[in-house]
C-alpha atoms as a PDB file:
ATOM      1  CA  MET A   1      97.595  61.024  58.356  1.00  0.00           C
ATOM      2  CA  LYS A   2      95.121  62.714  60.579  1.00  0.00           C
ATOM      3  CA  ALA A   3      94.311  65.225  57.823  1.00  0.00           C
ATOM      4  CA  ARG A   4      93.646  62.382  55.345  1.00  0.00           C
ATOM      5  CA  VAL A   5      91.171  60.725  57.706  1.00  0.00           C
ATOM      6  CA  LEU A   6      89.353  63.996  58.310  1.00  0.00           C
ATOM      7  CA  ASN A   7      89.285  64.767  54.587  1.00  0.00           C
ATOM      8  CA  GLY A   8      87.879  61.280  53.893  1.00  0.00           C
ATOM      9  CA  LEU A   9      85.165  61.722  56.504  1.00  0.00           C
ATOM     10  CA  ALA A  10      84.252  65.147  55.104  1.00  0.00           C
ATOM     11  CA  LEU A  11      84.019  63.683  51.592  1.00  0.00           C
ATOM     12  CA  ALA A  12      81.809  60.823  52.847  1.00  0.00           C
ATOM     13  CA  LEU A  13      79.554  63.359  54.590  1.00  0.00           C
ATOM     14  CA  VAL A  14      79.204  65.460  51.417  1.00  0.00           C
ATOM     15  CA  VAL A  15      78.397  62.348  49.325  1.00  0.00           C
ATOM     16  CA  ALA A  16      75.816  61.133  51.929  1.00  0.00           C
ATOM     17  CA  THR A  17      74.158  64.580  51.967  1.00  0.00           C
ATOM     18  CA  GLY A  18      73.901  64.496  48.174  1.00  0.00           C
ATOM     19  CA  LEU A  19      72.360  61.003  48.255  1.00  0.00           C
ATOM     20  CA  VAL A  20      69.757  62.103  50.830  1.00  0.00           C
ATOM     21  CA  GLY A  21      68.893  65.093  48.622  1.00  0.00           C
ATOM     22  CA  VAL A  22      68.455  62.811  45.599  1.00  0.00           C
ATOM     23  CA  LEU A  23      66.278  60.444  47.705  1.00  0.00           C
ATOM     24  CA  TYR A  24      64.040  63.391  48.763  1.00  0.00           C
ATOM     25  CA  ALA A  25      63.692  64.492  45.143  1.00  0.00           C
ATOM     26  CA  VAL A  26      62.750  60.983  44.000  1.00  0.00           C
ATOM     27  CA  ILE A  27      60.153  60.631  46.814  1.00  0.00           C
ATOM     28  CA  ALA A  28      58.679  64.033  45.912  1.00  0.00           C
ATOM     29  CA  VAL A  29      58.250  62.942  42.300  1.00  0.00           C
ATOM     30  CA  GLU A  30      57.071  59.378  43.071  1.00  0.00           C
ATOM     31  CA  PRO A  31      55.633  59.227  46.610  1.00  0.00           C
ATOM     32  CA  MET A  32      54.448  55.608  46.291  1.00  0.00           C
ATOM     33  CA  MET A  33      57.971  54.135  45.896  1.00  0.00           C
ATOM     34  CA  PRO A  34      58.981  51.547  48.546  1.00  0.00           C
ATOM     35  CA  LEU A  35      61.844  53.708  49.911  1.00  0.00           C
ATOM     36  CA  ASN A  36      59.363  56.326  51.174  1.00  0.00           C
ATOM     37  CA  PRO A  37      59.070  55.856  54.985  1.00  0.00           C
ATOM     38  CA  PHE A  38      55.716  57.766  55.072  1.00  0.00           C
ATOM     39  CA  PRO A  39      53.758  56.901  51.919  1.00  0.00           C
ATOM     40  CA  PRO A  40      50.451  58.722  51.377  1.00  0.00           C
ATOM     41  CA  PRO A  41      47.294  56.790  52.243  1.00  0.00           C
ATOM     42  CA  THR A  42      45.752  54.860  49.413  1.00  0.00           C
ATOM     43  CA  ALA A  43      42.189  55.621  48.339  1.00  0.00           C
ATOM     44  CA  PRO A  44      39.654  52.860  48.987  1.00  0.00           C
ATOM     45  CA  PRO A  45      38.449  51.135  45.837  1.00  0.00           C
ATOM     46  CA  SER A  46      35.303  52.640  44.382  1.00  0.00           C
ATOM     47  CA  PRO A  47      32.295  50.371  44.339  1.00  0.00           C
ATOM     48  CA  THR A  48      31.485  48.969  40.957  1.00  0.00           C
ATOM     49  CA  PRO A  49      27.851  48.999  39.994  1.00  0.00           C
ATOM     50  CA  THR A  50      26.253  45.600  39.640  1.00  0.00           C
ATOM     51  CA  VAL A  51      24.067  44.877  36.682  1.00  0.00           C
ATOM     52  CA  GLY A  52      20.401  44.391  37.491  1.00  0.00           C
ATOM     53  CA  ALA A  53      20.576  45.854  40.980  1.00  0.00           C
ATOM     54  CA  THR A  54      17.626  47.881  42.192  1.00  0.00           C
ATOM     55  CA  ALA A  55      18.136  51.308  43.564  1.00  0.00           C
ATOM     56  CA  THR A  56      17.385  51.722  47.236  1.00  0.00           C
ATOM     57  CA  PRO A  57      14.919  54.511  47.949  1.00  0.00           C
ATOM     58  CA  VAL A  58      16.369  57.585  49.516  1.00  0.00           C
ATOM     59  CA  PRO A  59      14.219  59.074  52.256  1.00  0.00           C
ATOM     60  CA  THR A  60      12.879  62.494  51.391  1.00  0.00           C
ATOM     61  CA  PRO A  61      14.009  65.152  53.808  1.00  0.00           C
ATOM     62  CA  THR A  62      11.356  66.571  56.061  1.00  0.00           C
ATOM     63  CA  PRO A  63      10.858  70.280  55.567  1.00  0.00           C
ATOM     64  CA  PHE A  64      11.763  72.641  58.362  1.00  0.00           C
ATOM     65  CA  PRO A  65       8.809  74.171  60.120  1.00  0.00           C
ATOM     66  CA  THR A  66       8.114  77.699  59.022  1.00  0.00           C
ATOM     67  CA  PRO A  67       8.968  80.179  61.735  1.00  0.00           C
ATOM     68  CA  THR A  68       6.134  82.052  63.304  1.00  0.00           C
ATOM     69  CA  ALA A  69       6.408  85.776  63.728  1.00  0.00           C
ATOM     70  CA  LEU A  70       7.278  86.767  67.244  1.00  0.00           C
ATOM     71  CA  ARG A  71       5.079  89.401  68.740  1.00  0.00           C
ATOM     72  CA  PRO A  72       6.854  91.793  71.040  1.00  0.00           C
ATOM     73  CA  ALA A  73       5.413  91.986  74.491  1.00  0.00           C
ATOM     74  CA  PRO A  74       3.308  95.093  74.915  1.00  0.00           C
ATOM     75  CA  LEU A  75       5.191  97.829  76.681  1.00  0.00           C
ATOM     76  CA  THR A  76       3.728  98.838  79.970  1.00  0.00           C
ATOM     77  CA  PRO A  77       4.654 102.276  81.188  1.00  0.00           C
ATOM     78  CA  THR A  78       6.772 102.371  84.289  1.00  0.00           C
ATOM     79  CA  PRO A  79       4.797 104.100  86.994  1.00  0.00           C
ATOM     80  CA  GLU A  80       6.262 107.296  88.395  1.00  0.00           C
ATOM     81  CA  PRO A  81       7.648 106.601  91.863  1.00  0.00           C
ATOM     82  CA  SER A  82       5.527 107.912  94.672  1.00  0.00           C
ATOM     83  CA  TYR A  83       7.347 110.600  96.603  1.00  0.00           C
ATOM     84  CA  PRO A  84       6.389 111.646 100.135  1.00  0.00           C
ATOM     85  CA  PHE A  85       6.439 115.362  99.193  1.00  0.00           C
ATOM     86  CA  THR A  86       4.567 117.286  96.510  1.00  0.00           C
ATOM     87  CA  ALA A  87       5.779 120.502  94.925  1.00  0.00           C
ATOM     88  CA  THR A  88       3.979 123.592  93.688  1.00  0.00           C
ATOM     89  CA  VAL A  89       5.682 126.384  91.757  1.00  0.00           C
ATOM     90  CA  GLU A  90       4.761 130.059  91.417  1.00  0.00           C
ATOM     91  CA  THR A  91       6.782 132.201  89.002  1.00  0.00           C
ATOM     92  CA  GLY A  92       6.576 135.797  87.904  1.00  0.00           C
ATOM     93  CA  PRO A  93       8.493 139.028  87.585  1.00  0.00           C
ATOM     94  CA  LEU A  94       9.840 140.579  90.765  1.00  0.00           C
ATOM     95  CA  SER A  95       8.008 143.802  91.442  1.00  0.00           C
ATOM     96  CA  GLY A  96       8.353 146.632  93.930  1.00  0.00           C
ATOM     97  CA  THR A  97      12.172 146.679  94.054  1.00  0.00           C
ATOM     98  CA  SER A  98      14.661 148.890  92.294  1.00  0.00           C
ATOM     99  CA  ASP A  99      17.249 146.183  91.641  1.00  0.00           C
ATOM    100  CA  CYS A 100      16.501 143.267  89.390  1.00  0.00           C
ATOM    101  CA  GLN A 101      18.094 140.321  91.213  1.00  0.00           C
ATOM    102  CA  ALA A 102      16.773 136.911  90.122  1.00  0.00           C
ATOM    103  CA  MET A 103      15.504 134.914  93.106  1.00  0.00           C
ATOM    104  CA  LEU A 104      14.589 131.298  93.726  1.00  0.00           C
ATOM    105  CA  ARG A 105      13.046 130.621  97.097  1.00  0.00           C
ATOM    106  CA  GLY A 106      10.814 128.122  98.770  1.00  0.00           C
ATOM    107  CA  VAL A 107       9.644 126.365 101.871  1.00  0.00           C
ATOM    108  CA  VAL A 108       9.557 122.770 103.162  1.00  0.00           C
ATOM    109  CA  LEU A 109       6.363 122.008 105.136  1.00  0.00           C
ATOM    110  CA  ASP A 110       4.985 118.992 106.980  1.00  0.00           C
ATOM    111  CA  ARG A 111       1.339 117.840 106.742  1.00  0.00           C
ATOM    112  CA  GLU A 112       0.173 120.444 109.272  1.00  0.00           C
ATOM    113  CA  GLY A 113       1.990 123.298 107.503  1.00  0.00           C
ATOM    114  CA  HIS A 114       4.905 123.609 109.943  1.00  0.00           C
ATOM    115  CA  GLY A 115       8.372 124.314 108.535  1.00  0.00           C
ATOM    116  CA  LEU A 116      10.930 121.483 108.441  1.00  0.00           C
ATOM    117  CA  GLU A 117      14.549 122.371 109.199  1.00  0.00           C
ATOM    118  CA  GLY A 118      17.691 120.879 107.655  1.00  0.00           C
ATOM    119  CA  TYR A 119      16.213 119.459 104.448  1.00  0.00           C
ATOM    120  CA  PRO A 120      18.610 119.682 101.469  1.00  0.00           C
ATOM    121  CA  VAL A 121      17.225 121.305  98.331  1.00  0.00           C
ATOM    122  CA  HIS A 122      19.172 120.535  95.152  1.00  0.00           C
ATOM    123  CA  LEU A 123      19.073 123.368  92.622  1.00  0.00           C
ATOM    124  CA  TRP A 124      20.684 123.190  89.197  1.00  0.00           C
ATOM    125  CA  ALA A 125      20.500 124.805  85.800  1.00  0.00           C
ATOM    126  CA  ALA A 126      21.863 122.701  82.980  1.00  0.00           C
ATOM    127  CA  GLU A 127      20.745 124.979  80.146  1.00  0.00           C
ATOM    128  CA  ALA A 128      20.162 128.260  81.908  1.00  0.00           C
ATOM    129  CA  ALA A 129      21.835 131.539  81.143  1.00  0.00           C
ATOM    130  CA  PRO A 130      24.351 132.968  81.864  1.00  0.00           C
ATOM    131  CA  ALA A 131      26.078 129.659  82.792  1.00  0.00           C
ATOM    132  CA  PRO A 132      25.254 126.178  84.140  1.00  0.00           C
ATOM    133  CA  ASP A 133      24.958 126.093  87.911  1.00  0.00           C
ATOM    134  CA  ASP A 134      24.578 123.377  90.583  1.00  0.00           C
ATOM    135  CA  ARG A 135      23.940 124.071  94.270  1.00  0.00           C
ATOM    136  CA  ILE A 136      22.604 122.457  97.445  1.00  0.00           C
ATOM    137  CA  LEU A 137      20.751 124.593  99.974  1.00  0.00           C
ATOM    138  CA  PHE A 138      19.350 123.609 103.379  1.00  0.00           C
ATOM    139  CA  SER A 139      16.037 124.727 104.829  1.00  0.00           C
ATOM    140  CA  ASP A 140      16.269 126.932 107.926  1.00  0.00           C
ATOM    141  CA  ARG A 141      14.281 126.661 111.198  1.00  0.00           C
ATOM    142  CA  SER A 142      11.107 127.876 109.585  1.00  0.00           C
ATOM    143  CA  GLY A 143      11.608 125.514 106.617  1.00  0.00           C
ATOM    144  CA  ARG A 144      12.519 128.362 104.257  1.00  0.00           C
ATOM    145  CA  TRP A 145      15.353 128.468 101.723  1.00  0.00           C
ATOM    146  CA  GLN A 146      16.308 131.039  99.125  1.00  0.00           C
ATOM    147  CA  ILE A 147      19.093 131.933  96.760  1.00  0.00           C
ATOM    148  CA  ALA A 148      19.942 134.988  94.728  1.00  0.00           C
ATOM    149  CA  LEU A 149      20.763 133.812  91.231  1.00  0.00           C
ATOM    150  CA  PRO A 150      23.490 135.361  89.055  1.00  0.00           C
ATOM    151  CA  VAL A 151      22.630 138.661  87.385  1.00  0.00           C
ATOM    152  CA  GLY A 152      20.728 138.034  84.168  1.00  0.00           C
ATOM    153  CA  ALA A 153      19.706 134.496  85.185  1.00  0.00           C
ATOM    154  CA  ARG A 154      16.846 133.086  83.133  1.00  0.00           C
ATOM    155  CA  GLY A 155      15.860 129.854  81.451  1.00  0.00           C
ATOM    156  CA  LEU A 156      15.028 126.446  82.869  1.00  0.00           C
ATOM    157  CA  TRP A 157      16.158 125.578  86.400  1.00  0.00           C
ATOM    158  CA  TYR A 158      15.526 122.328  88.283  1.00  0.00           C
ATOM    159  CA  VAL A 159      14.746 121.879  91.984  1.00  0.00           C
ATOM    160  CA  GLN A 160      14.438 118.661  94.021  1.00  0.00           C
ATOM    161  CA  LEU A 161      13.927 118.058  97.738  1.00  0.00           C
ATOM    162  CA  HIS A 162      16.095 115.432  99.447  1.00  0.00           C
ATOM    163  CA  ALA A 163      16.000 113.733 102.853  1.00  0.00           C
ATOM    164  CA  PRO A 164      18.391 114.931 105.553  1.00  0.00           C
ATOM    165  CA  ASP A 165      20.926 112.165 106.112  1.00  0.00           C
ATOM    166  CA  ALA A 166      23.941 111.980 108.439  1.00  0.00           C
ATOM    167  CA  ARG A 167      25.738 109.758 105.894  1.00  0.00           C
ATOM    168  CA  GLN A 168      25.227 112.451 103.218  1.00  0.00           C
ATOM    169  CA  VAL A 169      23.426 110.101 100.830  1.00  0.00           C
ATOM    170  CA  TYR A 170      20.360 112.399 100.590  1.00  0.00           C
ATOM    171  CA  PRO A 171      17.697 110.220  98.883  1.00  0.00           C
ATOM    172  CA  PRO A 172      15.106 112.238  96.911  1.00  0.00           C
ATOM    173  CA  LEU A 173      11.794 113.081  98.589  1.00  0.00           C
ATOM    174  CA  SER A 174      10.140 114.882  95.676  1.00  0.00           C
ATOM    175  CA  PRO A 175      10.082 114.629  91.905  1.00  0.00           C
ATOM    176  CA  ILE A 176      12.364 116.926  89.932  1.00  0.00           C
ATOM    177  CA  VAL A 177      10.565 120.238  89.525  1.00  0.00           C
ATOM    178  CA  ALA A 178      11.260 122.326  86.405  1.00  0.00           C
ATOM    179  CA  VAL A 179      11.112 126.069  86.973  1.00  0.00           C
ATOM    180  CA  ALA A 180      11.046 128.331  83.905  1.00  0.00           C
ATOM    181  CA  LEU A 181      12.259 131.783  84.869  1.00  0.00           C
ATOM    182  CA  PRO A 182      10.808 134.750  82.972  1.00  0.00           C
ATOM    183  CA  ASP A 183      13.166 137.048  81.097  1.00  0.00           C
ATOM    184  CA  THR A 184      12.606 140.199  83.164  1.00  0.00           C
ATOM    185  CA  CYS A 185      13.320 140.325  86.906  1.00  0.00           C
ATOM    186  CA  PRO A 186      12.572 136.631  87.449  1.00  0.00           C
ATOM    187  CA  ARG A 187      11.266 135.284  90.717  1.00  0.00           C
ATOM    188  CA  ALA A 188      10.091 131.765  91.588  1.00  0.00           C
ATOM    189  CA  THR A 189       8.742 130.182  94.764  1.00  0.00           C
ATOM    190  CA  VAL A 190       8.682 126.398  95.228  1.00  0.00           C
ATOM    191  CA  GLU A 191       6.650 124.910  98.076  1.00  0.00           C
ATOM    192  CA  PHE A 192       7.397 121.327  99.117  1.00  0.00           C
ATOM    193  CA  ARG A 193       4.591 119.859 101.240  1.00  0.00           C
ATOM    194  CA  GLU A 194       4.483 116.448 102.904  1.00  0.00           C
ATOM    195  CA  ARG A 195       1.603 114.248 101.685  1.00  0.00           C
END
């Protein structure tokens, strides 16, 4: 008895599923039928033209203003910052010695020509031969500094004077000075003088 009831309910469920499928198919074919719970919206009726009516004038669109060419602002050159020290460079071949050791040397002077001690001098060679180099030297008691460069050193070297600073920030005091070393026994002297 229990099996008959369950079989009857299963049959009713299969028949109901089939009827719902048929209803979906009918609504898909004819969406405006009254059984559709969500009919599509109807289009509003189109206006019918009346005989003898006059046409209303349509305003003419105003033209867009023509764009004017923008002129770029003239470029003003950025002034070179004013440094408290000037630099002069003297280069030439090293003479009077038997060995050919490339040298870069210099001095840091105040306005009266006295040497300044403890000033960092940044020296680097980005494109120099035999290899790129980057060093920081400090002026001695008489304001002098010097370095023996690697054997065969030549090319373009850069030197810049910095301020002595306990926090090791070392702000620049001079512009970057380019020193072109000659090919044979190069020597260069850079003098930094306070303005």
